[in-house]
Amino acid sequence: MNKPLRRIAIFCGLLVMALLIRDNWIQYVQADELRTDKNNRRVIIERYASPRGDIIVDGKPITGSAETPGSDFKFKRTYKDGAMWAPVTGYASQAFGATQLENLEDGILTGNDDRLFFRNTLDMLTGKKQQGGNVVTTLNAAAQKAAYNGLKKQGGKGAVAAIEPSTGKILALASYPSYDPSSFAGNSTTTDTKAWQKLLKKNNPDDPTLNRALRETYPPGSTFKVVTAAAALEDGLYTNPDEKTDSPDPWTMEGTNTKLPNEGNIPCKNATLRVALQYSCNTVFGKIGADLGNEKMLAQAKEFGFTEEQFTPVRSTASVFSDGMNPSQTALSSIGQFNTAATPLQMAMVASAVANDGKLMKPYMVDELQSPGVDPIEKTDPEELSQPLSAENAQILQSMMETVVDKGTGSNAKIDGVKVGGKTGTAQHGVDNSENPYAWFISYAKGEDGSSPVAVAVVVEDDDAVRDDISGGGLAAPIARNVMEAVIDSKR
């Protein structure tokens, strides 16, 4: 071979080698990256080429699929009572992607999860089309309905979270206002895009797509006094709920000339823990926080789950109790003001730990993942998250919270024949408390055997209500009662 031909042959050989290297690089190194690239339309087409598996509540699907004629996406998602269940399901949209369970469990729902490989291979050999699996939730349909309808009846913004204390199963997760994911599940520019645009916060200040039960933090107000009472009992500052505390009224916060006020003419001077919780005495719990100090109060709040995100598996925003506060700031934070902020799920966790004799279980909403043939793929086992207080102190705190409902500000949560413990809260809102406050209520119900089937947190923000009419006992407690009743009735 002469020299010019040899050079051409070598050059062609190098080109072929480069092509082979590039081809193998794409197929084996970049395959997953290209397969999951959001701009790869074939991925989205494949996702909607067959009906998605379902999200299940109480053995029944709350989702479905419908054919979409005239589109290269063959099926789109449908929802039953979509607005009620949106905080649980999220959405799966051909145009706008997926969120929450629809996103986190997308592999199971589409049938693309590696755990379904054997099933998919068998279907391919037998000529069956690939099918999606199911996501079985822990939710209680009756409790969810009671929560959503209660918020809707109030007409303002708000959220509810309900937990089974012994396991951590989430029984209800409602947010209002909400949205129907079916309204933008397709990719039509005339219907789906317009529906989506109407929901965006810039076009809708009520922000209906915000999951207030998991993603919004509010000052918890007096419901946080349950955490402060737990801190006092665990530290040994007070050991008997019926012994007098060292709590002058009025009380001037340390390092300031500011007196911490109580609401109305209530018996707070040196009040016992029980009476202080019954009447919601700011002076008692503010001084407890200052006496214990920031470090101990922060440690107790962390034991209940504050400062950490929770994954249910949907992420819940971390609730806040600050570090580095002076005594007066610690006092205000200990009554649920200053920087203290909590999600409804977090405050349901507080009530749940007290009801479960001091043991806090990790909250979760997915009970089981199923194959298309409904065979179990993965089962969630209950998991202990922490022990915020001893069983003895939890039972003391239970008796105090039950007094709040029997004789105090939480009487609207009473249920005939059922022992209910609770705590109201009316949290300041806006600069210098200029806006209408948030109405809170946390509670639990106990069965005849002493077990607690449900713990609840409710927050209501009603911009249109008369300020003097807003209270946790008035607005939030009736919703909590209805949710607890729904859970109790469903177990009978």
Protein backbone atom coordinates (compact mmCIF):
# COMPACT_ATOMS: atom_id res chain seq x y z
CA MET A 1 0.00 0.00 0.00
CA ASN A 2 1.42 3.36 -0.93
CA LYS A 3 1.86 6.09 1.63
CA PRO A 4 -1.22 8.27 0.78
CA LEU A 5 -3.59 5.26 0.89
CA ARG A 6 -2.09 4.12 4.17
CA ARG A 7 -2.72 7.54 5.69
CA ILE A 8 -6.31 7.52 4.47
CA ALA A 9 -6.84 4.01 5.87
CA ILE A 10 -5.41 5.03 9.25
CA PHE A 11 -7.56 8.17 9.29
CA CYS A 12 -10.71 6.17 8.43
CA GLY A 13 -9.81 3.64 11.11
CA LEU A 14 -9.52 6.43 13.69
CA LEU A 15 -12.91 7.79 12.64
CA VAL A 16 -14.52 4.36 13.05
CA MET A 17 -12.84 3.94 16.45
CA ALA A 18 -14.05 7.40 17.57
CA LEU A 19 -17.56 6.53 16.40
CA LEU A 20 -17.53 3.26 18.34
CA ILE A 21 -16.21 4.97 21.48
CA ARG A 22 -18.85 7.69 21.21
CA ASP A 23 -21.59 5.14 20.57
CA ASN A 24 -20.61 3.07 23.61
CA TRP A 25 -20.28 6.22 25.72
CA ILE A 26 -23.85 7.24 24.86
CA GLN A 27 -25.30 3.76 25.31
CA TYR A 28 -23.58 2.81 28.56
CA VAL A 29 -22.36 5.96 30.31
CA GLN A 30 -24.97 8.57 29.37
CA ALA A 31 -27.93 6.22 28.99
CA ASP A 32 -29.58 6.99 32.31
CA GLU A 33 -28.93 10.72 32.01
CA LEU A 34 -30.48 10.86 28.54
CA ARG A 35 -33.36 8.60 29.56
CA THR A 36 -34.34 10.90 32.41
CA ASP A 37 -33.59 14.21 30.67
CA LYS A 38 -36.63 16.47 31.04
CA ASN A 39 -36.20 17.59 27.44
CA ASN A 40 -36.38 14.03 26.10
CA ARG A 41 -39.94 13.96 24.83
CA ARG A 42 -39.84 10.21 24.27
CA VAL A 43 -39.57 9.74 28.05
CA ILE A 44 -42.80 11.68 28.59
CA ILE A 45 -44.52 9.87 25.72
CA GLU A 46 -43.55 6.55 27.30
CA ARG A 47 -44.78 7.71 30.72
CA TYR A 48 -48.26 8.33 29.33
CA ALA A 49 -48.33 5.46 26.82
CA SER A 50 -50.38 3.27 29.19
CA PRO A 51 -52.67 3.87 32.17
CA ARG A 52 -50.81 4.75 35.37
CA GLY A 53 -51.26 2.58 38.42
CA ASP A 54 -53.50 3.94 41.14
CA ILE A 55 -53.14 5.66 44.48
CA ILE A 56 -55.31 3.74 46.94
CA VAL A 57 -57.23 4.89 50.02
CA ASP A 58 -59.25 2.43 52.13
CA GLY A 59 -58.90 -0.17 49.40
CA LYS A 60 -60.33 2.10 46.68
CA PRO A 61 -58.52 4.10 43.97
CA ILE A 62 -58.68 7.88 44.19
CA THR A 63 -56.99 8.18 40.79
CA GLY A 64 -57.60 6.84 37.29
CA SER A 65 -56.57 7.30 33.66
CA ALA A 66 -58.43 8.43 30.54
CA GLU A 67 -57.49 8.32 26.86
CA THR A 68 -56.49 11.62 25.27
CA PRO A 69 -57.50 11.62 21.58
CA GLY A 70 -55.48 13.63 19.12
CA SER A 71 -52.28 13.57 21.19
CA ASP A 72 -49.08 11.55 21.18
CA PHE A 73 -49.70 11.12 24.91
CA LYS A 74 -52.20 8.29 24.93
CA PHE A 75 -53.45 8.53 28.52
CA LYS A 76 -53.81 11.32 31.05
CA ARG A 77 -54.37 11.21 34.79
CA THR A 78 -57.80 11.61 36.38
CA TYR A 79 -58.70 12.17 40.03
CA LYS A 80 -61.72 11.47 42.22
CA ASP A 81 -62.40 14.36 44.61
CA GLY A 82 -59.18 15.84 43.31
CA ALA A 83 -59.18 19.01 45.41
CA MET A 84 -59.71 17.05 48.62
CA TRP A 85 -56.86 14.64 47.91
CA ALA A 86 -54.38 17.01 46.20
CA PRO A 87 -52.19 17.45 49.34
CA VAL A 88 -51.68 13.67 49.29
CA THR A 89 -51.48 12.81 45.59
CA GLY A 90 -49.94 15.95 44.15
CA TYR A 91 -50.45 16.03 40.38
CA ALA A 92 -49.28 14.22 37.24
CA SER A 93 -49.61 16.49 34.23
CA GLN A 94 -48.53 15.86 30.64
CA ALA A 95 -47.58 19.53 30.38
CA PHE A 96 -46.35 20.46 33.87
CA GLY A 97 -44.74 17.32 35.28
CA ALA A 98 -45.55 15.61 38.58
CA THR A 99 -45.35 16.36 42.30
CA GLN A 100 -45.64 14.60 45.66
CA LEU A 101 -46.70 10.94 45.54
CA GLU A 102 -47.27 11.13 41.79
CA ASN A 103 -43.63 12.15 41.40
CA LEU A 104 -41.95 10.23 44.22
CA GLU A 105 -43.59 6.93 43.29
CA ASP A 106 -43.61 7.56 39.53
CA GLY A 107 -41.53 4.45 38.84
CA ILE A 108 -44.10 2.20 40.51
CA LEU A 109 -47.08 4.01 38.98
CA THR A 110 -45.66 3.84 35.44
CA GLY A 111 -44.27 0.32 35.83
CA ASN A 112 -40.68 1.47 35.18
CA ASP A 113 -39.35 0.78 38.68
CA ASP A 114 -36.45 -1.71 38.73
CA ARG A 115 -38.37 -3.79 41.29
CA LEU A 116 -40.90 -4.55 38.56
CA PHE A 117 -38.24 -5.84 36.14
CA PHE A 118 -39.21 -9.52 36.45
CA ARG A 119 -42.90 -8.71 36.03
CA ASN A 120 -42.22 -6.49 33.00
CA THR A 121 -40.01 -9.14 31.40
CA LEU A 122 -42.73 -11.76 31.86
CA ASP A 123 -45.34 -9.42 30.35
CA MET A 124 -43.04 -8.74 27.37
CA LEU A 125 -42.60 -12.48 26.74
CA THR A 126 -46.36 -13.08 26.94
CA GLY A 127 -47.22 -10.07 24.76
CA LYS A 128 -48.86 -8.01 27.50
CA LYS A 129 -48.44 -4.26 27.64
CA GLN A 130 -46.49 -2.84 30.54
CA GLN A 131 -48.70 -1.86 33.48
CA GLY A 132 -48.18 0.39 36.47
CA GLY A 133 -48.28 -0.71 40.09
CA ASN A 134 -50.28 0.81 42.94
CA VAL A 135 -49.43 3.03 45.90
CA VAL A 136 -51.49 2.06 48.96
CA THR A 137 -51.74 4.94 51.42
CA THR A 138 -52.41 5.09 55.16
CA LEU A 139 -55.11 7.74 54.70
CA ASN A 140 -58.59 7.42 56.16
CA ALA A 141 -61.22 8.62 53.67
CA ALA A 142 -63.76 9.62 56.31
CA ALA A 143 -61.19 11.62 58.27
CA GLN A 144 -59.94 13.34 55.11
CA LYS A 145 -63.48 14.29 54.14
CA ALA A 146 -64.20 15.68 57.61
CA ALA A 147 -60.96 17.70 57.52
CA TYR A 148 -61.46 19.13 54.04
CA ASN A 149 -65.16 19.92 54.48
CA GLY A 150 -64.44 21.55 57.84
CA LEU A 151 -61.86 23.87 56.31
CA LYS A 152 -64.07 24.58 53.33
CA LYS A 153 -66.98 25.51 55.61
CA GLN A 154 -64.79 28.06 57.42
CA GLY A 155 -64.07 29.65 54.06
CA GLY A 156 -60.58 30.92 54.92
CA LYS A 157 -57.18 29.35 54.43
CA GLY A 158 -56.07 26.50 56.64
CA ALA A 159 -54.83 22.94 57.03
CA VAL A 160 -55.35 19.74 58.98
CA ALA A 161 -52.99 16.88 59.78
CA ALA A 162 -54.08 13.72 61.61
CA ILE A 163 -51.85 10.86 62.77
CA GLU A 164 -52.32 7.44 64.35
CA PRO A 165 -50.08 7.88 67.43
CA SER A 166 -49.10 4.23 67.89
CA THR A 167 -47.75 3.82 64.33
CA GLY A 168 -47.21 7.27 62.81
CA LYS A 169 -49.66 6.55 59.99
CA ILE A 170 -51.01 9.77 58.50
CA LEU A 171 -54.81 9.54 58.52
CA ALA A 172 -55.70 12.95 57.09
CA LEU A 173 -53.78 15.69 55.31
CA ALA A 174 -56.00 18.51 54.10
CA SER A 175 -55.23 21.99 52.80
CA TYR A 176 -57.59 24.78 51.79
CA PRO A 177 -58.02 26.38 49.33
CA SER A 178 -56.99 23.54 47.08
CA TYR A 179 -57.06 22.62 43.38
CA ASP A 180 -58.25 19.80 41.15
CA PRO A 181 -55.22 18.13 39.48
CA SER A 182 -57.51 16.82 36.73
CA SER A 183 -57.99 20.36 35.43
CA PHE A 184 -54.47 20.51 33.98
CA ALA A 185 -53.56 16.81 33.65
CA GLY A 186 -53.42 17.02 29.83
CA ASN A 187 -51.37 19.24 27.54
CA SER A 188 -53.99 21.37 25.82
CA THR A 189 -53.01 25.02 25.52
CA THR A 190 -56.66 26.09 25.54
CA THR A 191 -57.78 24.23 28.66
CA ASP A 192 -54.91 22.74 30.68
CA THR A 193 -52.51 25.67 30.33
CA LYS A 194 -55.23 28.20 31.19
CA ALA A 195 -56.27 26.16 34.24
CA TRP A 196 -52.63 26.00 35.37
CA GLN A 197 -52.09 29.73 34.95
CA LYS A 198 -55.10 30.50 37.13
CA LEU A 199 -53.53 28.52 40.00
CA LEU A 200 -50.15 30.26 40.02
CA LYS A 201 -49.52 32.49 43.03
CA LYS A 202 -48.84 35.53 40.83
CA ASN A 203 -52.37 35.16 39.45
CA ASN A 204 -54.02 33.77 42.58
CA PRO A 205 -52.88 35.23 45.93
CA ASP A 206 -54.64 32.39 47.80
CA ASP A 207 -51.96 30.07 46.34
CA PRO A 208 -54.16 26.94 46.13
CA THR A 209 -51.27 24.68 45.04
CA LEU A 210 -49.45 25.30 48.35
CA ASN A 211 -49.65 22.23 50.58
CA ARG A 212 -50.29 24.08 53.84
CA ALA A 213 -50.33 20.89 55.92
CA LEU A 214 -46.69 20.12 55.05
CA ARG A 215 -45.06 23.16 53.46
CA GLU A 216 -46.39 26.17 55.39
CA THR A 217 -45.14 27.14 58.85
CA TYR A 218 -47.24 29.24 61.21
CA PRO A 219 -46.59 30.66 64.67
CA PRO A 220 -48.19 27.90 66.79
CA GLY A 221 -49.29 30.23 69.56
CA SER A 222 -50.46 28.63 72.77
CA THR A 223 -50.46 25.10 71.33
CA PHE A 224 -46.67 25.26 71.83
CA LYS A 225 -47.26 25.48 75.58
CA VAL A 226 -47.64 21.69 75.44
CA VAL A 227 -43.97 21.50 74.42
CA THR A 228 -43.02 23.96 77.19
CA ALA A 229 -44.97 21.94 79.76
CA ALA A 230 -43.16 18.81 78.60
CA ALA A 231 -39.82 20.60 79.02
CA ALA A 232 -40.72 21.64 82.58
CA LEU A 233 -41.72 18.08 83.51
CA GLU A 234 -38.73 16.42 81.84
CA ASP A 235 -36.27 18.86 83.44
CA GLY A 236 -37.83 18.41 86.88
CA LEU A 237 -38.54 22.14 87.20
CA TYR A 238 -42.02 21.00 88.18
CA THR A 239 -43.03 17.39 88.86
CA ASN A 240 -46.63 17.70 89.95
CA PRO A 241 -49.25 19.29 87.69
CA ASP A 242 -51.15 20.49 90.74
CA GLU A 243 -48.32 22.19 92.62
CA LYS A 244 -48.09 25.98 92.45
CA THR A 245 -45.53 27.46 90.10
CA ASP A 246 -43.30 30.46 90.76
CA SER A 247 -45.16 32.72 88.35
CA PRO A 248 -45.93 36.31 89.34
CA ASP A 249 -48.68 38.12 87.48
CA PRO A 250 -47.86 40.59 86.09
CA TRP A 251 -44.42 39.27 85.12
CA THR A 252 -41.73 41.48 83.58
CA MET A 253 -39.54 39.66 81.12
CA GLU A 254 -35.88 39.46 82.10
CA GLY A 255 -33.68 42.18 80.63
CA THR A 256 -36.66 44.32 79.64
CA ASN A 257 -39.27 46.65 81.11
CA THR A 258 -41.98 44.77 79.22
CA LYS A 259 -44.68 42.90 81.08
CA LEU A 260 -45.88 39.69 79.40
CA PRO A 261 -49.69 39.98 79.32
CA ASN A 262 -52.32 37.30 79.80
CA GLU A 263 -55.56 37.29 77.84
CA GLY A 264 -58.35 38.62 80.06
CA ASN A 265 -58.89 38.27 83.79
CA ILE A 266 -57.71 34.71 84.39
CA PRO A 267 -56.16 33.05 87.49
CA CYS A 268 -52.50 32.92 86.40
CA LYS A 269 -50.60 34.16 89.48
CA ASN A 270 -48.51 31.19 90.67
CA ALA A 271 -50.99 28.94 88.85
CA THR A 272 -50.39 25.20 88.73
CA LEU A 273 -49.38 23.66 85.41
CA ARG A 274 -52.87 22.22 85.06
CA VAL A 275 -54.62 25.54 85.63
CA ALA A 276 -52.07 27.38 83.50
CA LEU A 277 -52.73 25.09 80.54
CA GLN A 278 -56.49 25.19 81.18
CA TYR A 279 -56.56 29.01 81.02
CA SER A 280 -53.53 29.32 78.69
CA CYS A 281 -51.46 31.55 80.99
CA ASN A 282 -48.73 33.35 79.08
CA THR A 283 -46.94 34.42 82.27
CA VAL A 284 -46.55 30.86 83.56
CA PHE A 285 -45.24 29.29 80.37
CA GLY A 286 -43.20 32.33 79.33
CA LYS A 287 -41.40 32.29 82.68
CA ILE A 288 -40.89 28.50 82.46
CA GLY A 289 -39.17 29.03 79.12
CA ALA A 290 -36.97 31.79 80.53
CA ASP A 291 -36.16 29.73 83.66
CA LEU A 292 -35.18 26.67 81.61
CA GLY A 293 -33.26 28.73 79.08
CA ASN A 294 -32.87 28.59 75.33
CA GLU A 295 -30.66 25.49 75.27
CA LYS A 296 -33.08 23.25 77.18
CA MET A 297 -36.14 24.55 75.35
CA LEU A 298 -34.45 23.99 71.98
CA ALA A 299 -33.44 20.46 72.98
CA GLN A 300 -37.05 19.65 73.97
CA ALA A 301 -38.44 21.11 70.74
CA LYS A 302 -35.97 19.03 68.73
CA GLU A 303 -37.15 15.88 70.52
CA PHE A 304 -40.63 16.58 69.13
CA GLY A 305 -39.22 16.98 65.60
CA PHE A 306 -38.58 20.73 65.35
CA THR A 307 -35.67 21.96 63.17
CA GLU A 308 -35.74 18.82 60.97
CA GLU A 309 -37.54 18.18 57.69
CA GLN A 310 -39.86 15.18 57.74
CA PHE A 311 -40.23 12.85 54.76
CA THR A 312 -43.58 11.10 54.62
CA PRO A 313 -42.26 10.41 51.86
CA VAL A 314 -43.49 13.84 50.68
CA ARG A 315 -41.18 16.41 52.26
CA SER A 316 -42.48 18.52 55.11
CA THR A 317 -40.78 21.86 55.84
CA ALA A 318 -38.70 21.99 59.03
CA SER A 319 -40.44 23.71 61.93
CA VAL A 320 -38.53 26.43 63.77
CA PHE A 321 -37.36 27.00 67.33
CA SER A 322 -34.37 29.33 67.33
CA ASP A 323 -30.97 29.10 68.98
CA GLY A 324 -29.00 31.98 70.49
CA MET A 325 -32.02 33.77 72.01
CA ASN A 326 -31.92 35.96 75.12
CA PRO A 327 -34.29 35.21 78.06
CA SER A 328 -37.13 37.46 76.87
CA GLN A 329 -36.97 36.04 73.35
CA THR A 330 -36.94 32.53 74.82
CA ALA A 331 -39.98 33.43 76.93
CA LEU A 332 -41.92 34.62 73.87
CA SER A 333 -40.82 31.60 71.83
CA SER A 334 -41.99 29.29 74.63
CA ILE A 335 -45.55 30.53 74.20
CA GLY A 336 -45.38 29.97 70.44
CA GLN A 337 -44.49 33.50 69.35
CA PHE A 338 -41.32 35.39 68.33
CA ASN A 339 -39.50 33.13 65.80
CA THR A 340 -41.30 29.89 66.66
CA ALA A 341 -43.07 28.45 63.62
CA ALA A 342 -44.54 25.03 62.92
CA THR A 343 -46.28 23.06 60.22
CA PRO A 344 -49.65 21.46 61.03
CA LEU A 345 -47.93 18.05 60.67
CA GLN A 346 -45.39 19.08 63.32
CA MET A 347 -48.06 20.05 65.83
CA ALA A 348 -49.95 16.82 65.14
CA MET A 349 -46.66 15.05 65.99
CA VAL A 350 -46.58 16.89 69.33
CA ALA A 351 -50.11 15.75 70.22
CA SER A 352 -49.32 12.27 68.93
CA ALA A 353 -46.24 11.85 71.15
CA VAL A 354 -48.17 12.92 74.25
CA ALA A 355 -51.03 10.55 73.41
CA ASN A 356 -48.61 7.66 72.78
CA ASP A 357 -47.16 7.85 76.31
CA GLY A 358 -44.20 9.93 75.22
CA LYS A 359 -43.10 7.94 72.20
CA LEU A 360 -43.02 9.78 68.86
CA MET A 361 -43.43 7.62 65.76
CA LYS A 362 -42.14 8.68 62.35
CA PRO A 363 -45.10 10.00 60.29
CA TYR A 364 -45.71 8.26 56.96
CA MET A 365 -48.45 8.10 54.34
CA VAL A 366 -47.45 5.15 52.11
CA ASP A 367 -48.41 1.83 53.64
CA GLU A 368 -47.47 -0.44 50.73
CA LEU A 369 -46.25 -0.47 47.15
CA GLN A 370 -47.90 -3.08 44.91
CA SER A 371 -47.11 -4.66 41.56
CA PRO A 372 -49.72 -4.49 38.76
CA GLY A 373 -50.94 -7.86 40.04
CA VAL A 374 -51.33 -6.26 43.52
CA ASP A 375 -48.51 -8.36 44.95
CA PRO A 376 -46.66 -6.44 47.68
CA ILE A 377 -43.31 -4.97 46.63
CA GLU A 378 -42.52 -2.96 49.72
CA LYS A 379 -44.25 -2.53 53.08
CA THR A 380 -43.61 0.38 55.46
CA ASP A 381 -42.91 -0.67 59.03
CA PRO A 382 -43.66 1.78 61.86
CA GLU A 383 -40.48 3.43 63.16
CA GLU A 384 -39.83 5.21 66.44
CA LEU A 385 -38.49 8.71 65.84
CA SER A 386 -37.77 9.78 69.42
CA GLN A 387 -38.95 9.70 73.05
CA PRO A 388 -39.65 13.37 73.86
CA LEU A 389 -40.89 12.60 77.36
CA SER A 390 -41.22 9.68 79.74
CA ALA A 391 -44.40 7.65 79.93
CA GLU A 392 -45.05 9.05 83.43
CA ASN A 393 -44.69 12.65 82.32
CA ALA A 394 -46.71 11.99 79.15
CA GLN A 395 -49.58 10.72 81.28
CA ILE A 396 -49.35 13.83 83.48
CA LEU A 397 -49.51 15.99 80.35
CA GLN A 398 -52.45 13.92 79.05
CA SER A 399 -54.38 14.68 82.24
CA MET A 400 -53.62 18.39 81.80
CA MET A 401 -54.74 18.42 78.16
CA GLU A 402 -57.91 16.52 79.09
CA THR A 403 -58.66 19.24 81.66
CA VAL A 404 -58.40 21.82 78.84
CA VAL A 405 -61.21 20.03 76.99
CA ASP A 406 -63.30 19.10 80.04
CA LYS A 407 -63.13 22.46 81.83
CA GLY A 408 -61.14 24.91 79.73
CA THR A 409 -60.81 26.56 76.34
CA GLY A 410 -61.11 23.33 74.33
CA SER A 411 -64.67 22.37 75.23
CA ASN A 412 -65.78 22.47 71.57
CA ALA A 413 -63.74 19.31 70.99
CA LYS A 414 -65.71 17.16 73.43
CA ILE A 415 -67.00 13.83 72.09
CA ASP A 416 -69.65 11.90 74.00
CA GLY A 417 -68.22 8.78 75.57
CA VAL A 418 -64.66 9.53 74.44
CA LYS A 419 -61.79 11.00 76.44
CA VAL A 420 -60.31 13.93 74.51
CA GLY A 421 -57.22 15.94 75.33
CA GLY A 422 -56.42 19.19 73.57
CA LYS A 423 -54.89 22.65 73.54
CA THR A 424 -56.13 25.79 71.85
CA GLY A 425 -53.97 28.46 70.33
CA THR A 426 -54.55 31.94 68.93
CA ALA A 427 -51.29 33.01 67.32
CA GLN A 428 -50.36 36.61 66.58
CA HIS A 429 -50.00 37.51 62.92
CA GLY A 430 -48.51 40.54 61.17
CA VAL A 431 -46.38 43.46 62.34
CA ASP A 432 -47.37 44.40 65.91
CA ASN A 433 -50.15 41.80 65.69
CA SER A 434 -51.89 44.00 63.10
CA GLU A 435 -53.50 41.18 61.10
CA ASN A 436 -56.08 38.63 62.16
CA PRO A 437 -54.46 35.88 64.24
CA TYR A 438 -54.25 32.20 63.35
CA ALA A 439 -56.63 29.84 65.15
CA TRP A 440 -55.02 26.55 66.26
CA PHE A 441 -56.16 23.41 67.98
CA ILE A 442 -54.21 20.23 68.69
CA SER A 443 -55.84 17.18 70.23
CA TYR A 444 -56.08 13.42 70.59
CA ALA A 445 -58.88 10.98 71.36
CA LYS A 446 -58.54 7.93 73.62
CA GLY A 447 -60.53 4.71 73.40
CA GLU A 448 -62.01 2.76 76.30
CA ASP A 449 -58.86 0.61 76.45
CA GLY A 450 -56.70 3.71 76.88
CA SER A 451 -55.23 3.56 73.37
CA SER A 452 -55.34 6.62 71.14
CA PRO A 453 -56.47 6.05 67.55
CA VAL A 454 -55.90 9.62 66.37
CA ALA A 455 -54.08 12.88 67.09
CA VAL A 456 -54.96 16.02 65.15
CA ALA A 457 -53.67 19.51 64.45
CA VAL A 458 -55.83 22.18 62.83
CA VAL A 459 -54.90 25.73 61.83
CA VAL A 460 -57.35 28.24 60.36
CA GLU A 461 -56.47 31.65 58.94
CA ASP A 462 -59.64 33.62 58.27
CA ASP A 463 -59.00 37.12 56.92
CA ASP A 464 -62.71 37.95 56.87
CA ALA A 465 -63.57 36.93 60.44
CA VAL A 466 -64.13 39.50 63.17
CA ARG A 467 -60.88 39.62 65.17
CA ASP A 468 -62.58 39.11 68.55
CA ASP A 469 -64.35 36.01 67.22
CA ILE A 470 -61.12 34.23 66.23
CA SER A 471 -59.94 31.54 68.64
CA GLY A 472 -58.57 28.04 68.39
CA GLY A 473 -61.45 26.77 70.48
CA GLY A 474 -64.03 28.47 68.28
CA LEU A 475 -62.77 27.91 64.73
CA ALA A 476 -60.32 24.99 64.85
CA ALA A 477 -61.60 22.72 67.66
CA PRO A 478 -64.89 21.75 65.91
CA ILE A 479 -62.89 20.61 62.84
CA ALA A 480 -60.57 18.54 65.02
CA ARG A 481 -63.56 17.00 66.77
CA ASN A 482 -65.14 15.98 63.47
CA VAL A 483 -61.89 14.40 62.26
CA MET A 484 -61.48 12.45 65.51
CA GLU A 485 -65.09 11.27 65.36
CA ALA A 486 -64.61 10.10 61.77
CA VAL A 487 -61.59 7.98 62.73
CA ILE A 488 -63.32 6.53 65.78
CA ASP A 489 -66.47 5.70 63.79
CA SER A 490 -64.44 4.02 61.03
CA LYS A 491 -62.87 1.66 63.58
CA ARG A 492 -66.16 0.54 65.11
